[in-house]
Amino acid sequence: MGIVKISEDLHDEIRKASGVMSRSINSQAEFWIKIGMQAEMNPQCSFNELVATMLAKANISADNLSVEESER
């Protein structure tokens, strides 16, 4: 594990997002890094497609995670 230096402004944005997404600050930063890497390697894909691909690679079905229309 290493240390990555980021600006105070970015750290503040990560902290805010981590609270909304119920993730630790480190987990939020790691998620954004992973999504960013996937977006650079697959510019034709939407955010939802990238997440679905990452879930599939982890053997997690996106269908099982979606909220039923009746619950919305």
C-alpha atoms as a PDB file:
ATOM      1  CA  MET A   1       0.000   0.000   0.000  1.00  0.00           C
ATOM      2  CA  GLY A   2       1.243   3.446  -0.805  1.00  0.00           C
ATOM      3  CA  ILE A   3       0.426   7.043  -0.112  1.00  0.00           C
ATOM      4  CA  VAL A   4      -1.081   9.221  -2.816  1.00  0.00           C
ATOM      5  CA  LYS A   5      -0.922  12.979  -2.415  1.00  0.00           C
ATOM      6  CA  ILE A   6      -4.023  14.833  -3.556  1.00  0.00           C
ATOM      7  CA  SER A   7      -5.168  18.410  -3.238  1.00  0.00           C
ATOM      8  CA  GLU A   8      -7.154  19.543  -0.232  1.00  0.00           C
ATOM      9  CA  ASP A   9     -10.054  20.425  -2.549  1.00  0.00           C
ATOM     10  CA  LEU A  10     -10.194  16.908  -4.002  1.00  0.00           C
ATOM     11  CA  HIS A  11      -9.914  15.379  -0.536  1.00  0.00           C
ATOM     12  CA  ASP A  12     -12.866  17.510   0.569  1.00  0.00           C
ATOM     13  CA  GLU A  13     -14.931  16.298  -2.421  1.00  0.00           C
ATOM     14  CA  ILE A  14     -14.034  12.678  -1.644  1.00  0.00           C
ATOM     15  CA  ARG A  15     -15.012  13.190   1.999  1.00  0.00           C
ATOM     16  CA  LYS A  16     -18.393  14.634   0.996  1.00  0.00           C
ATOM     17  CA  ALA A  17     -19.070  11.841  -1.517  1.00  0.00           C
ATOM     18  CA  SER A  18     -18.015   9.154   0.948  1.00  0.00           C
ATOM     19  CA  GLY A  19     -20.651  10.349   3.396  1.00  0.00           C
ATOM     20  CA  VAL A  20     -23.387  10.263   0.778  1.00  0.00           C
ATOM     21  CA  MET A  21     -22.319   6.858  -0.549  1.00  0.00           C
ATOM     22  CA  SER A  22     -21.711   5.336   2.926  1.00  0.00           C
ATOM     23  CA  ARG A  23     -18.106   4.504   2.101  1.00  0.00           C
ATOM     24  CA  SER A  24     -14.896   5.311   3.888  1.00  0.00           C
ATOM     25  CA  ILE A  25     -12.847   8.115   2.370  1.00  0.00           C
ATOM     26  CA  ASN A  26     -10.302   5.564   1.143  1.00  0.00           C
ATOM     27  CA  SER A  27     -13.004   3.346  -0.366  1.00  0.00           C
ATOM     28  CA  GLN A  28     -14.564   6.307  -2.167  1.00  0.00           C
ATOM     29  CA  ALA A  29     -11.201   7.354  -3.596  1.00  0.00           C
ATOM     30  CA  GLU A  30     -10.480   3.772  -4.674  1.00  0.00           C
ATOM     31  CA  PHE A  31     -13.895   3.527  -6.364  1.00  0.00           C
ATOM     32  CA  TRP A  32     -13.311   6.756  -8.293  1.00  0.00           C
ATOM     33  CA  ILE A  33      -9.845   5.570  -9.332  1.00  0.00           C
ATOM     34  CA  LYS A  34     -11.202   2.237 -10.576  1.00  0.00           C
ATOM     35  CA  ILE A  35     -14.069   3.901 -12.466  1.00  0.00           C
ATOM     36  CA  GLY A  36     -11.658   6.439 -13.957  1.00  0.00           C
ATOM     37  CA  MET A  37      -9.323   3.691 -15.155  1.00  0.00           C
ATOM     38  CA  GLN A  38     -12.219   1.786 -16.716  1.00  0.00           C
ATOM     39  CA  ALA A  39     -13.548   4.974 -18.354  1.00  0.00           C
ATOM     40  CA  GLU A  40     -10.157   5.677 -19.943  1.00  0.00           C
ATOM     41  CA  MET A  41      -9.869   2.112 -21.232  1.00  0.00           C
ATOM     42  CA  ASN A  42     -13.512   1.979 -22.421  1.00  0.00           C
ATOM     43  CA  PRO A  43     -14.518   5.501 -23.511  1.00  0.00           C
ATOM     44  CA  GLN A  44     -17.517   4.160 -25.422  1.00  0.00           C
ATOM     45  CA  CYS A  45     -19.151   2.832 -22.220  1.00  0.00           C
ATOM     46  CA  SER A  46     -21.500   4.703 -19.910  1.00  0.00           C
ATOM     47  CA  PHE A  47     -21.011   4.807 -16.151  1.00  0.00           C
ATOM     48  CA  ASN A  48     -23.750   2.179 -15.714  1.00  0.00           C
ATOM     49  CA  GLU A  49     -22.087  -0.112 -18.268  1.00  0.00           C
ATOM     50  CA  LEU A  50     -18.745   0.243 -16.493  1.00  0.00           C
ATOM     51  CA  VAL A  51     -20.282  -0.624 -13.119  1.00  0.00           C
ATOM     52  CA  ALA A  52     -22.157  -3.588 -14.626  1.00  0.00           C
ATOM     53  CA  THR A  53     -18.909  -4.880 -16.147  1.00  0.00           C
ATOM     54  CA  MET A  54     -17.078  -4.509 -12.843  1.00  0.00           C
ATOM     55  CA  LEU A  55     -19.902  -6.342 -11.045  1.00  0.00           C
ATOM     56  CA  ALA A  56     -19.840  -9.132 -13.635  1.00  0.00           C
ATOM     57  CA  LYS A  57     -16.078  -9.548 -13.179  1.00  0.00           C
ATOM     58  CA  ALA A  58     -16.731  -9.942  -9.452  1.00  0.00           C
ATOM     59  CA  ASN A  59     -19.485 -12.489 -10.205  1.00  0.00           C
ATOM     60  CA  ILE A  60     -22.214 -10.204  -8.863  1.00  0.00           C
ATOM     61  CA  SER A  61     -25.439  -9.899 -10.825  1.00  0.00           C
ATOM     62  CA  ALA A  62     -26.591  -6.305 -11.305  1.00  0.00           C
ATOM     63  CA  ASP A  63     -30.156  -7.646 -11.578  1.00  0.00           C
ATOM     64  CA  ASN A  64     -30.032  -8.772  -7.953  1.00  0.00           C
ATOM     65  CA  LEU A  65     -28.946  -5.316  -6.833  1.00  0.00           C
ATOM     66  CA  SER A  66     -31.477  -3.166  -8.666  1.00  0.00           C
ATOM     67  CA  VAL A  67     -34.371  -1.633  -6.780  1.00  0.00           C
ATOM     68  CA  GLU A  68     -37.767  -2.961  -7.774  1.00  0.00           C
ATOM     69  CA  GLU A  69     -40.001  -0.432  -9.481  1.00  0.00           C
ATOM     70  CA  SER A  70     -42.584  -0.901  -6.724  1.00  0.00           C
ATOM     71  CA  GLU A  71     -40.037   0.162  -4.090  1.00  0.00           C
ATOM     72  CA  ARG A  72     -39.194   3.478  -5.762  1.00  0.00           C
END
